[in-house]
Amino acid sequence: MRVLVTGPSGFVGSRLLQVLASDNSLEVIAAARRESFDRPVAVRLQTGCELSSSMDWAPHLVGVGVVVHTAARVHVMNDTAADPLDAFRAVNVDGTLRLAEQAASAGVHRFVFISSVKVNGEGTTKNSAYSPDLAPAPLDPYGVSKMEAEAGLKEIAQRTGMEVVIIRPVLVYGPGVKANFLKMMQWLDKGVPLPFGSIQNSRSLVALENLVDLIVLCTKHPNAANQTFMVSDGEDLSTSALLRKMATALNKPARLIPLPAWFLHVGARVVGKTDLSQRLCGSLRVDISKTRSLLGWNPPVSLETALKETAVHFQESRKR
């Protein structure tokens, strides 16, 4: 079977390429804008692939049975676009639906779309969880664009018969992770005292290996057709617990100061970091029972193992 992967140089896409390329029954195509990234030798590269409303995907879709769409304009803090929603829609909605329409016309059997938990919203209570069947409630332009892309894909699936699978990941971590997760490791590695010793929230995470494992399963499992799935490690934990587990993985002490959450929220508001405060102190849980029951899927990598692999990569990369 021929599989086309968009976003092949990204955090998720690059690891997905490696896993797919290890399956000799697959012919894997990386659809990228340019050549400047590492990829397995067995992977065929197609360049000049842009997520836009005018892109001609037809030459790249010949003989393709499955498209895995990981590419997107990603959520960033302090977006500088004049109209962030328009900027997200141009790529995440218009570009995605252009690809999907042409995939259906080319006879692609299944389209796997990597969406986001932000379609559900920005947070839950400590004792509740997002499920794929809850009404969408995105609060930022990125989440809105992913919701609109999902709706458009479902319409295309209904009209053309092409199967669509939607996966909504939570925060993805693993070897090579960037952004706030990397900063957290850097703080712990330097022994910086952190004011999160009393945070008793509950958050879902997903290891890169677990997400990729589910994506691969969704390319072929018959029960995945036209379904939406949440994905996580299946183990929710507080920010305090996460920092302690990561410190253990780094073989470093966790210097956590027990400040109350309300104090951190107030301080974050004063310095304009309310979003960061919500991520560190608020809860966001997902229910993966549908993923488990419908697909028979369980996360193959434990949270402790994934954290250790992430920590080892971080420490080795600092030596280079």
Protein backbone atom coordinates (compact mmCIF):
# COMPACT_ATOMS: atom_id res chain seq x y z
CA MET A 1 0.00 0.00 0.00
CA ARG A 2 1.17 3.50 -0.80
CA VAL A 3 0.96 6.00 2.10
CA LEU A 4 1.49 9.75 1.76
CA VAL A 5 2.52 11.71 4.88
CA THR A 6 2.30 15.50 5.12
CA GLY A 7 4.42 17.41 7.61
CA PRO A 8 7.25 14.85 7.37
CA SER A 9 9.85 17.14 8.95
CA GLY A 10 7.73 17.88 12.02
CA PHE A 11 7.95 16.37 15.49
CA VAL A 12 5.20 13.83 14.83
CA GLY A 13 5.65 13.42 11.08
CA SER A 14 9.36 12.62 11.20
CA ARG A 15 8.90 9.81 13.73
CA LEU A 16 5.86 8.51 11.84
CA LEU A 17 7.98 8.25 8.67
CA GLN A 18 10.53 6.10 10.49
CA VAL A 19 7.89 3.70 11.79
CA LEU A 20 6.04 3.42 8.47
CA ALA A 21 9.30 2.95 6.55
CA SER A 22 10.13 -0.09 8.71
CA ASP A 23 7.09 -1.90 7.25
CA ASN A 24 8.21 -3.54 4.00
CA SER A 25 4.60 -3.88 2.84
CA LEU A 26 4.27 -0.10 2.56
CA GLU A 27 5.53 2.42 0.03
CA VAL A 28 5.92 5.68 1.95
CA ILE A 29 5.87 9.14 0.37
CA ALA A 30 6.91 12.27 2.26
CA ALA A 31 5.06 15.35 0.96
CA ALA A 32 7.22 18.33 1.94
CA ARG A 33 7.80 21.93 0.93
CA ARG A 34 11.54 21.38 0.47
CA GLU A 35 14.27 18.77 0.79
CA SER A 36 16.12 20.02 3.86
CA PHE A 37 15.30 17.34 6.44
CA ASP A 38 16.48 13.84 7.31
CA ARG A 39 14.33 10.89 6.32
CA PRO A 40 14.68 7.11 5.97
CA VAL A 41 16.31 5.99 2.73
CA ALA A 42 13.25 3.96 1.78
CA VAL A 43 10.97 7.01 1.88
CA ARG A 44 10.22 8.72 -1.44
CA LEU A 45 10.25 12.52 -1.27
CA GLN A 46 7.82 14.81 -3.07
CA THR A 47 8.73 18.50 -2.74
CA GLY A 48 6.82 21.70 -3.46
CA CYS A 49 3.85 20.58 -1.37
CA GLU A 50 2.13 23.60 0.18
CA LEU A 51 -1.02 23.65 2.27
CA SER A 52 -3.01 26.21 0.32
CA SER A 53 -6.30 26.52 -1.51
CA SER A 54 -4.51 26.47 -4.88
CA MET A 55 -2.11 23.55 -4.46
CA ASP A 56 -2.30 20.86 -7.15
CA TRP A 57 -1.94 17.59 -5.26
CA ALA A 58 -2.91 15.32 -8.16
CA PRO A 59 0.67 14.38 -9.22
CA HIS A 60 1.52 13.42 -5.64
CA LEU A 61 -1.58 11.28 -5.05
CA VAL A 62 -1.24 8.80 -7.90
CA GLY A 63 -1.70 5.31 -6.50
CA VAL A 64 -1.93 6.51 -2.89
CA GLY A 65 -4.23 4.46 -0.66
CA VAL A 66 -3.88 6.38 2.62
CA VAL A 67 -3.04 10.00 3.43
CA VAL A 68 -1.82 10.84 6.94
CA HIS A 69 -2.12 14.59 7.37
CA THR A 70 0.12 15.86 10.18
CA ALA A 71 1.04 19.22 8.62
CA ALA A 72 -0.57 22.37 10.02
CA ARG A 73 -0.06 25.95 11.01
CA VAL A 74 0.59 25.21 14.65
CA HIS A 75 -0.55 26.99 17.78
CA VAL A 76 2.01 29.53 19.00
CA MET A 77 2.08 31.84 21.98
CA ASN A 78 1.82 35.56 21.15
CA ASP A 79 0.81 35.10 17.51
CA THR A 80 1.88 38.14 15.47
CA ALA A 81 -0.43 37.60 12.46
CA ALA A 82 -2.67 40.59 11.72
CA ASP A 83 -5.69 38.26 11.77
CA PRO A 84 -4.69 34.97 13.43
CA LEU A 85 -7.96 33.21 12.58
CA ASP A 86 -7.61 34.01 8.87
CA ALA A 87 -3.99 32.82 8.96
CA PHE A 88 -4.95 29.54 10.62
CA ARG A 89 -7.91 29.02 8.28
CA ALA A 90 -5.79 29.54 5.16
CA VAL A 91 -3.59 26.57 6.08
CA ASN A 92 -5.52 24.36 8.49
CA VAL A 93 -8.92 24.62 6.81
CA ASP A 94 -8.48 25.68 3.17
CA GLY A 95 -5.22 23.78 2.68
CA THR A 96 -6.48 20.66 4.42
CA LEU A 97 -9.77 20.52 2.54
CA ARG A 98 -8.02 21.14 -0.79
CA LEU A 99 -5.81 18.10 -0.10
CA ALA A 100 -8.78 15.99 1.02
CA GLU A 101 -10.93 16.88 -2.01
CA GLN A 102 -8.13 15.93 -4.39
CA ALA A 103 -7.34 12.81 -2.38
CA ALA A 104 -10.95 11.67 -2.74
CA SER A 105 -10.86 12.41 -6.49
CA ALA A 106 -7.63 10.38 -6.80
CA GLY A 107 -9.26 7.35 -5.20
CA VAL A 108 -7.54 7.57 -1.80
CA HIS A 109 -9.24 5.07 0.50
CA ARG A 110 -8.58 6.69 3.88
CA PHE A 111 -7.57 10.14 5.17
CA VAL A 112 -6.12 10.26 8.70
CA PHE A 113 -6.24 13.78 10.14
CA ILE A 114 -4.18 14.84 13.16
CA SER A 115 -6.38 17.40 14.85
CA SER A 116 -6.08 18.73 18.43
CA VAL A 117 -7.70 18.52 21.85
CA LYS A 118 -8.18 22.27 21.45
CA VAL A 119 -11.25 21.44 19.37
CA ASN A 120 -12.82 20.39 22.67
CA GLY A 121 -11.61 23.41 24.62
CA GLU A 122 -8.84 24.65 26.88
CA GLY A 123 -9.45 22.77 30.10
CA THR A 124 -11.58 20.44 32.19
CA THR A 125 -12.19 20.08 35.89
CA LYS A 126 -9.98 17.71 37.82
CA ASN A 127 -12.70 15.05 37.77
CA SER A 128 -14.09 15.46 34.24
CA ALA A 129 -12.61 14.61 30.85
CA TYR A 130 -13.06 15.49 27.19
CA SER A 131 -14.43 12.77 24.96
CA PRO A 132 -14.74 12.77 21.15
CA ASP A 133 -18.53 12.87 21.36
CA LEU A 134 -18.77 16.12 23.34
CA ALA A 135 -19.80 19.26 21.44
CA PRO A 136 -16.72 21.20 20.25
CA ALA A 137 -15.91 24.35 22.21
CA PRO A 138 -12.63 25.79 20.89
CA LEU A 139 -11.51 29.05 22.47
CA ASP A 140 -8.65 30.18 20.24
CA PRO A 141 -8.10 30.59 16.48
CA TYR A 142 -6.03 27.42 16.22
CA GLY A 143 -8.74 25.33 17.87
CA VAL A 144 -11.42 26.95 15.71
CA SER A 145 -9.46 26.16 12.54
CA LYS A 146 -9.06 22.51 13.54
CA MET A 147 -12.77 22.25 14.33
CA GLU A 148 -13.69 23.72 10.93
CA ALA A 149 -11.27 21.35 9.19
CA GLU A 150 -12.87 18.38 10.97
CA ALA A 151 -16.34 19.50 9.88
CA GLY A 152 -15.20 19.92 6.27
CA LEU A 153 -13.54 16.50 6.24
CA LYS A 154 -16.69 14.82 7.53
CA GLU A 155 -18.69 16.46 4.74
CA ILE A 156 -16.18 15.26 2.14
CA ALA A 157 -16.31 11.74 3.58
CA GLN A 158 -20.09 11.68 3.43
CA ARG A 159 -20.17 13.04 -0.12
CA THR A 160 -17.35 11.01 -1.67
CA GLY A 161 -17.11 7.81 0.35
CA MET A 162 -13.46 8.40 1.31
CA GLU A 163 -12.96 7.25 4.89
CA VAL A 164 -11.83 9.93 7.34
CA VAL A 165 -10.22 9.26 10.73
CA ILE A 166 -9.71 12.13 13.17
CA ILE A 167 -7.23 11.95 16.07
CA ARG A 168 -7.16 14.67 18.76
CA PRO A 169 -3.87 14.53 20.70
CA VAL A 170 -3.16 16.27 23.97
CA LEU A 171 0.33 17.67 24.67
CA VAL A 172 2.84 15.45 22.83
CA TYR A 173 6.27 14.86 24.37
CA GLY A 174 9.21 12.65 23.55
CA PRO A 175 12.83 12.78 22.35
CA GLY A 176 13.41 16.14 20.67
CA VAL A 177 10.38 17.86 22.22
CA LYS A 178 10.47 21.67 22.15
CA ALA A 179 8.55 24.59 23.68
CA ASN A 180 7.37 24.51 27.31
CA PHE A 181 8.24 20.85 27.89
CA LEU A 182 11.85 21.53 26.89
CA LYS A 183 11.96 24.59 29.16
CA MET A 184 10.71 22.43 32.02
CA MET A 185 13.58 19.97 31.49
CA GLN A 186 16.08 22.82 31.27
CA TRP A 187 14.84 24.26 34.58
CA LEU A 188 15.07 20.89 36.30
CA ASP A 189 18.49 20.14 34.82
CA LYS A 190 19.85 23.45 36.15
CA GLY A 191 18.33 22.90 39.57
CA VAL A 192 16.15 26.00 39.36
CA PRO A 193 13.62 26.19 42.23
CA LEU A 194 10.11 26.02 40.75
CA PRO A 195 6.93 27.31 42.45
CA PHE A 196 4.77 24.29 41.60
CA GLY A 197 5.03 22.11 44.68
CA SER A 198 1.36 22.48 45.62
CA ILE A 199 -0.29 22.17 42.21
CA GLN A 200 -2.89 19.40 42.42
CA ASN A 201 -4.36 19.61 38.92
CA SER A 202 -4.79 16.66 36.55
CA ARG A 203 -3.54 16.65 32.97
CA SER A 204 -3.34 14.10 30.17
CA LEU A 205 -0.18 13.80 28.07
CA VAL A 206 0.76 11.55 25.19
CA ALA A 207 4.20 10.18 24.39
CA LEU A 208 5.29 10.53 20.78
CA GLU A 209 5.66 6.74 20.48
CA ASN A 210 2.11 6.20 21.70
CA LEU A 211 0.64 8.77 19.32
CA VAL A 212 2.53 7.33 16.34
CA ASP A 213 1.44 3.82 17.29
CA LEU A 214 -2.21 4.92 17.22
CA ILE A 215 -1.78 6.77 13.92
CA VAL A 216 -0.34 3.65 12.28
CA LEU A 217 -3.22 1.58 13.64
CA CYS A 218 -5.72 4.11 12.28
CA THR A 219 -4.30 3.76 8.76
CA LYS A 220 -5.59 0.19 8.59
CA HIS A 221 -8.06 -0.77 11.35
CA PRO A 222 -11.54 -1.25 9.85
CA ASN A 223 -13.25 0.13 12.96
CA ALA A 224 -11.39 3.44 12.65
CA ALA A 225 -13.30 4.50 9.54
CA ASN A 226 -15.16 7.80 9.99
CA GLN A 227 -14.43 7.97 13.71
CA THR A 228 -12.89 10.56 16.03
CA PHE A 229 -10.47 9.46 18.75
CA MET A 230 -8.85 11.02 21.79
CA VAL A 231 -5.33 9.84 22.61
CA SER A 232 -3.19 9.96 25.74
CA ASP A 233 -0.82 7.81 27.79
CA GLY A 234 -3.80 6.66 29.85
CA GLU A 235 -2.27 8.10 33.02
CA ASP A 236 -3.17 11.62 34.17
CA LEU A 237 -1.00 13.49 36.63
CA SER A 238 -0.50 16.87 38.25
CA THR A 239 2.15 19.38 37.24
CA SER A 240 3.89 18.69 40.56
CA ALA A 241 3.93 14.95 39.89
CA LEU A 242 5.13 15.44 36.31
CA LEU A 243 8.03 17.61 37.47
CA ARG A 244 9.03 15.05 40.07
CA LYS A 245 8.88 12.19 37.57
CA MET A 246 10.90 14.15 35.02
CA ALA A 247 13.48 15.09 37.65
CA THR A 248 13.84 11.39 38.47
CA ALA A 249 14.30 10.63 34.76
CA LEU A 250 17.02 13.29 34.60
CA ASN A 251 18.64 12.04 37.83
CA LYS A 252 18.19 15.51 39.29
CA PRO A 253 16.46 16.75 42.45
CA ALA A 254 13.07 18.40 42.01
CA ARG A 255 13.31 21.72 43.86
CA LEU A 256 9.60 22.50 44.11
CA ILE A 257 8.35 25.37 46.26
CA PRO A 258 4.78 24.85 47.55
CA LEU A 259 3.06 28.07 46.47
CA PRO A 260 -0.76 28.01 46.13
CA ALA A 261 -2.26 27.92 42.65
CA TRP A 262 -4.20 31.18 43.17
CA PHE A 263 -0.92 33.00 43.86
CA LEU A 264 0.57 31.71 40.60
CA HIS A 265 -2.55 32.69 38.64
CA VAL A 266 -2.39 36.25 40.01
CA GLY A 267 1.31 36.54 39.27
CA ALA A 268 0.83 35.20 35.73
CA ARG A 269 -1.94 37.70 35.08
CA VAL A 270 0.30 40.57 36.21
CA VAL A 271 3.05 39.63 33.74
CA GLY A 272 0.67 38.72 30.89
CA LYS A 273 1.23 34.95 31.04
CA THR A 274 -2.32 33.79 31.77
CA ASP A 275 -2.18 31.07 29.08
CA LEU A 276 0.98 29.59 30.57
CA SER A 277 -0.56 29.67 34.03
CA GLN A 278 -3.56 27.71 32.76
CA ARG A 279 -1.31 25.06 31.23
CA LEU A 280 0.73 24.66 34.40
CA CYS A 281 -2.02 24.96 37.02
CA GLY A 282 -5.27 24.02 35.26
CA SER A 283 -6.61 20.56 34.49
CA LEU A 284 -7.11 19.04 31.04
CA ARG A 285 -8.04 15.38 30.87
CA VAL A 286 -9.21 13.21 27.98
CA ASP A 287 -11.18 9.98 27.99
CA ILE A 288 -9.60 7.34 25.73
CA SER A 289 -12.13 4.59 26.48
CA LYS A 290 -13.54 4.76 22.93
CA THR A 291 -10.03 4.43 21.49
CA ARG A 292 -9.39 1.41 23.68
CA SER A 293 -12.71 -0.35 23.07
CA LEU A 294 -13.28 0.32 19.37
CA LEU A 295 -9.69 -0.29 18.25
CA GLY A 296 -8.45 -2.59 21.00
CA TRP A 297 -5.63 -0.07 21.49
CA ASN A 298 -3.61 0.48 24.63
CA PRO A 299 -0.60 2.80 24.94
CA PRO A 300 2.40 0.54 24.28
CA VAL A 301 4.88 2.77 26.15
CA SER A 302 4.51 3.67 29.82
CA LEU A 303 4.76 7.27 30.96
CA GLU A 304 7.90 6.52 33.00
CA THR A 305 9.63 4.86 30.04
CA ALA A 306 8.69 7.70 27.70
CA LEU A 307 9.94 10.33 30.18
CA LYS A 308 13.23 8.46 30.55
CA GLU A 309 13.70 8.29 26.77
CA THR A 310 12.93 12.01 26.54
CA ALA A 311 15.40 12.82 29.32
CA VAL A 312 18.18 10.68 27.82
CA HIS A 313 17.79 12.39 24.43
CA PHE A 314 17.84 15.81 26.10
CA GLN A 315 21.03 15.04 28.02
CA GLU A 316 22.78 13.47 25.02
CA SER A 317 21.88 16.42 22.77
CA ARG A 318 23.50 18.80 25.27
CA LYS A 319 26.81 16.95 24.90
CA ARG A 320 27.01 17.45 21.14
